[in-house]
Protein backbone atom coordinates (compact mmCIF):
# COMPACT_ATOMS: atom_id res chain seq x y z
CA UNK A 1 -22.76 17.30 -22.54
CA UNK A 2 -21.38 13.92 -21.24
CA UNK A 3 -17.93 14.45 -20.00
CA UNK A 4 -15.12 12.08 -20.80
CA UNK A 5 -14.88 9.82 -17.82
CA UNK A 6 -11.92 8.02 -16.05
CA UNK A 7 -13.08 5.37 -13.49
CA UNK A 8 -10.67 4.94 -10.74
CA UNK A 9 -11.15 1.46 -9.02
CA UNK A 10 -9.97 1.77 -5.51
CA UNK A 11 -10.59 4.88 -3.36
CA UNK A 12 -7.60 4.84 -1.22
CA UNK A 13 -4.46 6.95 -1.55
CA UNK A 14 -3.61 5.50 -4.73
CA UNK A 15 -6.95 6.31 -6.31
CA UNK A 16 -6.94 9.74 -4.59
CA UNK A 17 -3.49 10.70 -5.96
CA UNK A 18 -4.54 9.67 -9.47
CA UNK A 19 -7.57 11.76 -9.25
CA UNK A 20 -5.83 14.79 -7.89
CA UNK A 21 -3.11 14.81 -10.52
CA UNK A 22 -5.53 14.13 -13.25
CA UNK A 23 -7.94 16.84 -12.25
CA UNK A 24 -5.22 19.49 -11.83
CA UNK A 25 -3.69 18.78 -15.15
CA UNK A 26 -7.02 18.68 -16.87
CA UNK A 27 -7.76 22.27 -15.44
CA UNK A 28 -4.41 23.57 -16.59
CA UNK A 29 -4.91 22.21 -20.15
CA UNK A 30 -8.66 23.14 -20.26
CA UNK A 31 -9.69 19.47 -20.73
CA UNK A 32 -13.19 18.44 -19.57
CA UNK A 33 -13.14 15.21 -17.63
CA UNK A 34 -15.25 13.51 -14.99
CA UNK A 35 -13.61 11.05 -12.61
CA UNK A 36 -15.60 8.23 -10.88
CA UNK A 37 -13.81 7.18 -7.80
CA UNK A 38 -15.03 3.71 -6.72
CA UNK A 39 -14.42 2.41 -3.23
CA UNK A 40 -15.84 -0.75 -1.83
CA UNK A 41 -16.01 0.50 1.73
CA UNK A 42 -17.12 4.28 1.11
CA UNK A 43 -13.80 5.47 2.53
CA UNK A 44 -12.95 7.60 -0.45
CA UNK A 45 -9.33 9.02 -0.26
CA UNK A 46 -8.66 7.19 2.92
CA UNK A 47 -8.62 3.43 2.03
CA UNK A 48 -7.41 1.17 4.75
CA UNK A 49 -4.14 2.95 5.77
CA UNK A 50 -5.68 6.46 6.48
CA UNK A 51 -9.20 5.32 7.82
CA UNK A 52 -7.62 4.41 11.24
CA UNK A 53 -9.02 6.56 13.99
CA UNK A 54 -6.13 5.66 16.46
CA UNK A 55 -3.80 9.01 16.80
CA UNK A 56 -1.05 6.68 17.67
CA UNK A 57 -0.95 5.41 14.18
CA UNK A 58 1.67 7.63 12.56
CA UNK A 59 2.82 8.10 9.04
CA UNK A 60 6.06 6.10 8.59
CA UNK A 61 7.43 8.75 6.41
CA UNK A 62 8.23 12.29 7.50
CA UNK A 63 5.87 15.12 6.44
CA UNK A 64 8.08 16.74 3.85
CA UNK A 65 7.96 13.40 1.68
CA UNK A 66 4.22 12.91 1.93
CA UNK A 67 2.89 15.83 -0.07
CA UNK A 68 -0.07 14.71 -2.39
CA UNK A 69 1.39 16.98 -5.10
CA UNK A 70 4.30 15.70 -6.92
CA UNK A 71 7.19 18.49 -6.99
CA UNK A 72 5.72 20.49 -3.98
CA UNK A 73 7.39 18.95 -0.86
CA UNK A 74 6.10 21.67 1.34
CA UNK A 75 2.43 21.38 0.52
CA UNK A 76 1.68 18.91 3.36
CA UNK A 77 3.54 20.77 6.10
CA UNK A 78 2.09 24.10 4.92
CA UNK A 79 -1.62 22.52 4.97
CA UNK A 80 -0.87 21.18 8.49
CA UNK A 81 0.43 24.44 9.93
CA UNK A 82 -2.65 26.35 8.25
CA UNK A 83 -4.98 23.94 10.14
CA UNK A 84 -3.19 24.62 13.46
CA UNK A 85 -1.07 21.55 13.73
CA UNK A 86 2.41 22.06 15.05
CA UNK A 87 4.46 20.13 12.60
CA UNK A 88 7.78 20.45 10.76
CA UNK A 89 8.80 18.86 7.53
CA UNK A 90 10.71 16.22 9.32
CA UNK A 91 7.77 15.36 11.71
CA UNK A 92 5.36 12.42 11.47
CA UNK A 93 1.68 13.19 11.44
CA UNK A 94 -1.04 10.90 12.65
CA UNK A 95 -2.38 8.82 9.57
CA UNK A 96 -5.79 9.98 10.29
CA UNK A 97 -4.80 13.70 9.74
CA UNK A 98 -3.20 12.56 6.53
CA UNK A 99 -6.35 11.12 5.43
CA UNK A 100 -8.34 14.19 6.01
CA UNK A 101 -5.36 16.23 4.15
CA UNK A 102 -6.00 13.87 1.05
CA UNK A 103 -9.79 14.46 1.03
CA UNK A 104 -9.28 18.25 1.34
CA UNK A 105 -6.82 18.28 -1.61
CA UNK A 106 -9.07 16.14 -3.65
CA UNK A 107 -12.01 18.44 -3.20
CA UNK A 108 -9.83 21.44 -3.90
CA UNK A 109 -8.72 19.67 -7.34
CA UNK A 110 -12.42 19.70 -8.50
CA UNK A 111 -13.55 22.28 -10.98
CA UNK A 112 -17.15 21.80 -11.69
CA UNK A 113 -18.92 21.72 -14.03
CA UNK A 114 -16.01 20.95 -16.43
CA UNK A 115 -14.02 18.70 -14.07
CA UNK A 116 -15.70 16.72 -11.26
CA UNK A 117 -15.41 13.65 -8.91
CA UNK A 118 -18.28 11.36 -8.42
CA UNK A 119 -17.66 9.15 -5.34
CA UNK A 120 -19.41 5.74 -5.72
CA UNK A 121 -19.56 3.10 -2.88
CA UNK A 122 -19.45 -0.34 -4.32
CA UNK A 123 -17.55 -3.48 -5.18
CA UNK A 124 -16.29 -3.80 -8.78
CA UNK A 125 -16.72 -7.38 -10.08
CA UNK A 126 -16.23 -7.14 -13.81
CA UNK A 127 -14.93 -4.78 -16.62
CA UNK A 128 -17.06 -4.79 -19.76
CA UNK A 129 -15.97 -3.44 -23.11
CA UNK A 130 -18.95 -2.17 -25.14
CA UNK A 131 -18.08 -0.67 -28.59
CA UNK A 132 -14.84 0.99 -27.38
CA UNK A 133 -16.43 2.28 -23.97
CA UNK A 134 -15.81 0.50 -20.69
CA UNK A 135 -18.56 -0.42 -18.19
CA UNK A 136 -17.44 -1.22 -14.61
CA UNK A 137 -20.08 -3.62 -13.30
CA UNK A 138 -20.66 -3.57 -9.53
CA UNK A 139 -21.78 -6.37 -7.26
CA UNK A 140 -25.22 -4.83 -6.92
CA UNK A 141 -25.80 -4.88 -10.71
CA UNK A 142 -25.06 -1.07 -11.24
CA UNK A 143 -22.69 -0.26 -14.21
CA UNK A 144 -20.24 2.65 -14.23
CA UNK A 145 -19.43 3.95 -17.62
CA UNK A 146 -15.74 4.93 -18.44
CA UNK A 147 -13.47 5.90 -21.39
CA UNK A 148 -10.25 4.80 -19.47
CA UNK A 149 -9.89 2.82 -16.29
CA UNK A 150 -7.35 2.94 -13.57
CA UNK A 151 -6.80 0.05 -11.27
CA UNK A 152 -5.74 1.64 -7.84
CA UNK A 153 -6.59 -1.25 -5.66
CA UNK A 154 -3.93 -0.97 -3.08
CA UNK A 155 -2.76 -3.86 -0.97
CA UNK A 156 -4.76 -7.02 -0.79
CA UNK A 157 -5.84 -8.41 2.48
CA UNK A 158 -3.74 -11.06 4.20
CA UNK A 159 -3.81 -14.64 2.81
CA UNK A 160 -5.95 -16.97 4.67
CA UNK A 161 -4.00 -18.99 7.38
CA UNK A 162 -3.79 -22.73 6.67
CA UNK A 163 -5.49 -24.81 9.52
CA UNK A 164 -7.01 -21.95 11.06
CA UNK A 165 -10.95 -21.75 10.75
CA UNK A 166 -13.31 -18.88 11.38
CA UNK A 167 -13.65 -17.98 15.00
CA UNK A 168 -15.00 -14.96 16.80
CA UNK A 169 -11.61 -14.17 18.31
CA UNK A 170 -9.63 -14.74 14.98
CA UNK A 171 -9.15 -11.51 13.26
CA UNK A 172 -8.39 -12.50 9.57
CA UNK A 173 -7.71 -8.91 8.50
CA UNK A 174 -6.96 -6.26 11.04
CA UNK A 175 -7.86 -3.34 8.75
CA UNK A 176 -11.30 -4.76 7.83
CA UNK A 177 -13.63 -2.10 9.17
CA UNK A 178 -13.48 -1.99 13.10
CA UNK A 179 -11.81 -5.42 13.50
CA UNK A 180 -9.58 -4.27 16.30
CA UNK A 181 -12.18 -2.42 18.46
CA UNK A 182 -13.19 -5.68 20.21
CA UNK A 183 -9.73 -6.56 21.52
CA UNK A 184 -10.02 -4.62 24.83
CA UNK A 185 -10.64 -7.45 27.40
CA UNK A 186 -6.93 -7.77 28.62
CA UNK A 187 -6.60 -11.37 27.32
CA UNK A 188 -3.26 -12.08 25.48
CA UNK A 189 -3.09 -11.53 21.81
CA UNK A 190 -1.05 -13.52 19.47
CA UNK A 191 -0.22 -11.58 16.20
CA UNK A 192 1.11 -13.32 13.18
CA UNK A 193 3.67 -11.21 11.48
CA UNK A 194 6.31 -8.61 13.03
CA UNK A 195 6.09 -6.01 10.57
CA UNK A 196 4.37 -2.57 10.16
CA UNK A 197 0.92 -3.84 10.65
CA UNK A 198 1.86 -5.68 13.94
CA UNK A 199 3.35 -2.51 15.21
CA UNK A 200 0.02 -0.84 14.74
CA UNK A 201 -1.87 -3.74 16.23
CA UNK A 202 0.29 -3.90 19.31
CA UNK A 203 0.02 0.07 19.79
CA UNK A 204 -3.68 -0.18 19.60
CA UNK A 205 -4.56 -3.31 21.74
CA UNK A 206 -2.12 -2.42 24.54
CA UNK A 207 -3.49 0.80 24.98
CA UNK A 208 -7.05 -0.43 25.00
CA UNK A 209 -6.40 -2.52 28.34
CA UNK A 210 -3.32 -2.14 30.55
CA UNK A 211 -2.87 -5.78 31.16
CA UNK A 212 -2.91 -6.90 27.45
CA UNK A 213 0.28 -8.83 26.49
CA UNK A 214 1.05 -9.19 22.71
CA UNK A 215 2.94 -12.16 21.36
CA UNK A 216 4.39 -11.56 17.91
CA UNK A 217 5.27 -14.59 15.81
CA UNK A 218 7.15 -14.74 12.60
CA UNK A 219 9.91 -16.77 10.93
CA UNK A 220 12.68 -14.35 11.59
CA UNK A 221 11.16 -12.30 14.43
CA UNK A 222 12.58 -9.15 12.90
CA UNK A 223 11.05 -5.65 13.68
CA UNK A 224 10.97 -2.73 11.38
CA UNK A 225 13.93 -0.40 12.14
CA UNK A 226 13.35 3.24 13.36
CA UNK A 227 14.07 6.46 11.37
CA UNK A 228 16.88 8.43 12.86
CA UNK A 229 15.81 11.53 14.87
CA UNK A 230 17.86 13.59 12.41
CA UNK A 231 17.23 12.57 8.76
CA UNK A 232 20.29 11.12 7.30
CA UNK A 233 21.75 12.70 3.89
CA UNK A 234 21.67 10.20 1.10
CA UNK A 235 24.89 8.37 0.22
CA UNK A 236 25.49 7.30 -3.39
CA UNK A 237 25.78 3.68 -3.89
CA UNK A 238 27.72 2.78 -7.17
CA UNK A 239 26.69 -0.40 -9.07
CA UNK A 240 28.15 -2.12 -12.06
CA UNK A 241 26.93 -1.58 -15.52
CA UNK A 242 24.68 -4.16 -17.21
CA UNK A 243 22.52 -6.88 -15.91
CA UNK A 244 22.63 -7.22 -12.01
CA UNK A 245 22.74 -10.13 -9.46
CA UNK A 246 21.55 -10.16 -6.15
CA UNK A 247 25.14 -10.81 -5.03
CA UNK A 248 26.08 -7.45 -6.79
CA UNK A 249 23.35 -5.62 -4.88
CA UNK A 250 24.45 -7.02 -1.40
CA UNK A 251 28.10 -6.33 -2.03
CA UNK A 252 27.84 -2.83 -3.29
CA UNK A 253 25.29 -2.05 -0.29
CA UNK A 254 27.65 -3.52 2.37
CA UNK A 255 30.55 -1.72 0.75
CA UNK A 256 28.61 1.57 0.95
CA UNK A 257 27.76 1.00 4.70
CA UNK A 258 31.33 0.25 5.50
CA UNK A 259 32.49 3.53 3.76
CA UNK A 260 29.84 5.36 5.68
CA UNK A 261 31.21 4.43 8.98
CA UNK A 262 28.67 1.67 9.48
CA UNK A 263 25.64 3.98 9.34
CA UNK A 264 23.18 2.35 6.80
CA UNK A 265 20.45 5.06 7.13
CA UNK A 266 22.17 7.35 4.53
CA UNK A 267 22.73 4.31 2.38
CA UNK A 268 19.12 3.44 2.35
CA UNK A 269 18.51 7.15 1.40
CA UNK A 270 20.83 6.89 -1.34
CA UNK A 271 19.11 3.61 -2.69
CA UNK A 272 15.54 4.55 -2.53
CA UNK A 273 15.36 6.80 -5.74
CA UNK A 274 17.03 3.98 -7.79
CA UNK A 275 15.23 0.99 -6.29
CA UNK A 276 12.73 0.47 -9.23
CA UNK A 277 15.60 0.71 -11.74
CA UNK A 278 17.73 -1.75 -9.93
CA UNK A 279 14.86 -4.20 -9.64
CA UNK A 280 14.15 -4.05 -13.45
CA UNK A 281 17.94 -4.84 -14.03
CA UNK A 282 17.46 -8.22 -12.21
CA UNK A 283 16.62 -11.24 -14.32
CA UNK A 284 13.53 -13.15 -13.20
CA UNK A 285 15.54 -15.93 -11.31
CA UNK A 286 17.47 -13.16 -9.43
CA UNK A 287 14.30 -11.48 -8.50
CA UNK A 288 13.06 -14.72 -7.16
CA UNK A 289 16.15 -15.08 -5.21
CA UNK A 290 15.71 -11.60 -3.76
CA UNK A 291 12.37 -12.45 -2.61
CA UNK A 292 13.41 -15.64 -0.96
CA UNK A 293 16.73 -14.37 0.66
CA UNK A 294 16.74 -10.65 0.89
CA UNK A 295 13.20 -9.11 0.80
CA UNK A 296 12.52 -9.39 4.49
CA UNK A 297 15.82 -7.72 5.43
CA UNK A 298 15.16 -4.92 2.71
CA UNK A 299 11.67 -4.33 4.21
CA UNK A 300 12.73 -3.71 7.71
CA UNK A 301 15.41 -1.23 6.70
CA UNK A 302 13.52 0.36 4.08
CA UNK A 303 9.97 0.71 5.52
CA UNK A 304 10.95 2.16 8.90
CA UNK A 305 8.90 3.47 11.79
CA UNK A 306 8.86 6.95 13.43
CA UNK A 307 11.03 7.45 16.37
CA UNK A 308 8.01 7.82 18.63
CA UNK A 309 6.57 4.44 17.44
CA UNK A 310 10.02 2.78 18.04
CA UNK A 311 10.17 4.18 21.68
CA UNK A 312 6.67 2.80 22.36
CA UNK A 313 7.62 -0.54 21.11
CA UNK A 314 10.71 -0.54 23.02
CA UNK A 315 8.64 0.27 26.20
CA UNK A 316 6.22 -2.48 25.49
CA UNK A 317 9.11 -4.92 25.15
CA UNK A 318 11.00 -3.67 28.18
CA UNK A 319 7.71 -4.16 30.24
CA UNK A 320 6.98 -7.65 29.07
CA UNK A 321 3.98 -6.58 27.11
CA UNK A 322 5.39 -7.45 23.57
CA UNK A 323 7.11 -10.60 23.14
CA UNK A 324 8.80 -11.65 19.97
CA UNK A 325 8.53 -15.32 18.94
CA UNK A 326 10.59 -16.81 16.20
CA UNK A 327 8.88 -19.78 14.33
CA UNK A 328 5.73 -20.61 12.58
CA UNK A 329 2.03 -21.46 13.20
CA UNK A 330 1.11 -24.99 13.19
CA UNK A 331 -2.63 -24.98 14.19
CA UNK A 332 -5.30 -23.11 16.20
CA UNK A 333 -8.26 -24.39 17.65
CA UNK A 334 -10.98 -23.13 19.99
CA UNK A 335 -10.37 -23.14 23.64
CA UNK A 336 -11.93 -21.73 26.83
CA UNK A 337 -12.12 -17.84 26.38
CA UNK A 338 -10.20 -17.95 23.12
CA UNK A 339 -7.86 -20.21 21.21
CA UNK A 340 -5.22 -22.83 21.89
CA UNK A 341 -2.23 -22.13 19.48
CA UNK A 342 0.30 -24.75 18.46
CA UNK A 343 3.60 -23.18 17.00
CA UNK A 344 6.98 -24.44 16.03
CA UNK A 345 9.43 -22.26 17.99
CA UNK A 346 12.98 -22.75 16.78
CA UNK A 347 12.11 -26.49 16.22
CA UNK A 348 10.13 -26.89 19.50
CA UNK A 349 6.46 -27.44 19.28
CA UNK A 350 4.88 -25.08 21.57
CA UNK A 351 1.20 -24.57 23.07
CA UNK A 352 -0.04 -21.15 23.75
CA UNK A 353 -3.46 -20.23 25.02
CA UNK A 354 -4.48 -16.76 23.77
CA UNK A 355 -7.49 -14.63 23.91
CA UNK A 356 -7.13 -13.41 20.31
CA UNK A 357 -5.35 -14.26 17.10
CA UNK A 358 -4.57 -11.48 14.50
CA UNK A 359 -3.30 -12.06 10.94
CA UNK A 360 -0.76 -9.44 10.35
CA UNK A 361 1.25 -11.50 7.75
CA UNK A 362 1.06 -8.73 5.20
CA UNK A 363 -0.68 -8.46 1.69
CA UNK A 364 -1.72 -11.70 0.04
CA UNK A 365 -0.37 -12.64 -3.42
CA UNK A 366 -3.33 -14.50 -4.79
CA UNK A 367 -4.91 -12.28 -7.41
CA UNK A 368 -7.94 -14.58 -7.73
CA UNK A 369 -8.90 -13.70 -4.28
CA UNK A 370 -10.26 -10.53 -5.62
CA UNK A 371 -13.39 -11.09 -7.75
CA UNK A 372 -12.65 -8.11 -9.91
CA UNK A 373 -9.05 -9.15 -10.58
CA UNK A 374 -9.97 -12.70 -11.11
CA UNK A 375 -12.51 -11.59 -13.81
CA UNK A 376 -9.88 -9.55 -15.59
CA UNK A 377 -7.63 -12.62 -15.64
CA UNK A 378 -10.39 -15.02 -16.82
CA UNK A 379 -11.37 -12.78 -19.60
CA UNK A 380 -7.75 -12.33 -20.86
CA UNK A 381 -7.94 -8.60 -20.23
CA UNK A 382 -4.92 -8.91 -17.94
CA UNK A 383 -2.32 -11.29 -16.77
CA UNK A 384 -0.10 -11.89 -13.76
CA UNK A 385 3.34 -10.64 -13.78
CA UNK A 386 5.97 -13.41 -13.83
CA UNK A 387 6.36 -13.47 -9.98
CA UNK A 388 2.44 -13.32 -9.53
CA UNK A 389 3.05 -10.34 -7.28
CA UNK A 390 0.63 -8.14 -9.22
CA UNK A 391 -0.51 -7.56 -12.83
CA UNK A 392 1.74 -7.52 -15.76
CA UNK A 393 2.26 -3.94 -16.99
CA UNK A 394 4.65 -1.64 -18.62
CA UNK A 395 6.73 0.37 -16.17
CA UNK A 396 4.40 3.26 -16.93
CA UNK A 397 1.54 1.27 -15.80
CA UNK A 398 -0.08 0.30 -19.03
CA UNK A 399 -1.82 -3.21 -18.31
CA UNK A 400 -0.90 -5.91 -20.70
CA UNK A 401 -3.51 -8.58 -21.83
CA UNK A 402 -3.12 -12.25 -21.78
CA UNK A 403 -1.22 -12.16 -24.99
CA UNK A 404 1.28 -9.38 -23.72
CA UNK A 405 -0.52 -6.45 -25.81
CA UNK A 406 -0.69 -3.17 -24.10
CA UNK A 407 -4.19 -1.56 -23.50
CA UNK A 408 -3.99 2.03 -23.88
CA UNK A 409 -7.02 2.68 -21.88
CA UNK A 410 -6.44 0.43 -18.82
CA UNK A 411 -3.84 1.36 -16.44
CA UNK A 412 -2.58 0.36 -12.93
CA UNK A 413 -0.50 1.91 -10.17
CA UNK A 414 0.59 1.27 -6.64
CA UNK A 415 0.90 -2.23 -5.35
CA UNK A 416 -0.53 -3.99 -8.49
CA UNK A 417 2.83 -3.13 -10.10
CA UNK A 418 4.92 -4.65 -7.41
CA UNK A 419 6.32 -7.39 -9.77
CA UNK A 420 7.15 -4.71 -12.32
CA UNK A 421 8.64 -2.08 -10.05
CA UNK A 422 8.81 -3.78 -6.68
CA UNK A 423 9.12 -0.37 -4.62
CA UNK A 424 5.58 0.71 -5.35
CA UNK A 425 3.76 0.71 -2.10
CA UNK A 426 4.75 4.05 -0.39
CA UNK A 427 2.99 7.50 -1.31
CA UNK A 428 6.16 9.05 -2.76
CA UNK A 429 6.50 6.37 -5.38
CA UNK A 430 2.67 6.18 -5.93
CA UNK A 431 2.49 9.85 -6.21
CA UNK A 432 5.12 9.99 -8.83
CA UNK A 433 3.35 7.31 -10.88
CA UNK A 434 0.03 9.24 -10.64
CA UNK A 435 1.86 12.41 -11.91
CA UNK A 436 3.26 10.44 -14.79
CA UNK A 437 -0.03 8.77 -15.66
CA UNK A 438 -2.07 12.05 -15.55
CA UNK A 439 -0.99 13.21 -19.20
CA UNK A 440 -2.01 9.90 -20.74
CA UNK A 441 -5.47 10.06 -18.82
CA UNK A 442 -5.94 13.76 -20.17
CA UNK A 443 -4.96 12.66 -23.66
CA UNK A 444 -7.77 9.82 -23.61
CA UNK A 445 -10.15 12.46 -22.17
CA UNK A 446 -9.30 15.22 -24.74
CA UNK A 447 -9.61 12.56 -27.54
CA UNK A 448 -13.02 11.53 -26.41
CA UNK A 449 -14.15 15.16 -25.92
CA UNK A 450 -13.19 15.86 -29.40
CA UNK A 451 -15.10 13.00 -30.83
CA UNK A 452 -18.11 14.22 -29.06
CA UNK A 453 -18.15 17.61 -30.51
CA UNK A 454 -20.84 18.00 -33.29
CA UNK A 455 -19.38 18.41 -36.88
CA UNK A 456 -19.96 21.99 -38.18
């Protein structure tokens, strides 16, 4: 018997969480299903975030919020303790450990022969619809049959830097394979961006050589804030009814911080469960205004770093090994031993000789830079959202085609839904999406299984 198949394109955390929730629900309902988990780099269940081998790259969220199973917050801490790790629910595990956890939970969700996972390494380049059944075409010519498809592609790589040509000492994507392993010669490193990726890069390259100095350049030179040592309880933030403006969001948030004695941590905890609903209440022009004026400040307060990482960053800054620069890159050209960079720093044109240049500007927004997404757009199978942050879809993750019609067998979750939900890049939000998507996928599988049964 050929099992109904769900192809999950993207083998990182988004894809693994999708497969886990689908398989567990399929087992509970007695539905046969096969999952094909496609990952371009062969890092199934790890993706970019959890394939790191640096033990100092920690989860940016405490353990009791990072369970793979929706509704079971103690699952990860209990697994960690069972494997001999000394961790509490409020601790921060290394990301490599979390990757191992995801792989083990995925393996435990399998129930052969009726519910299985086939891990396929390859790059998807097109989606073909053949008489009601999908075929995912890979770059090497292989085709993967599927009755439903989930796009779990995660974050795209950084956008190319204008005026910066390829160079052996220019790292265009710090998460591409072992891109950082060569930065250990003690030469100064310029990192473009001052967000979460910059923190990871700085921690890695300064430990690789005791003399390495990191310059971090961004328009605002703002660092991610740190989680408090003791988690703050959520503080309710009331908002007016009806359509919202960015001004309403800012006024309500500032008022809540004042009424909380100036402590914003609890206010952020109170906002987080409602962030997607609030985003959907903003009109398109208000969303654009948020992205231009507020997004960077939201990101550094919402996506925080563990206390240990914050302490390490503070020590690097105090020792002069991490230096923040406010401005923008103008150009970079080859020079002896590295690159000569020209930057506009607060209006002053400055030259800086560095040994390495690392692009840590965050996920790119050009959907067509991914051949598979480009093919979906070209065929009319999908369309960008209004802000072109990802694909247009319903809040439940049903992908809309070029005419706005929903495709009930093509779904998306995670960063591809950023234009629809905005807060959709962290495990807690993606886990909830995977849990909500599982019943729809089981329904497709059950329908296909029923159609395959011989008529008595």
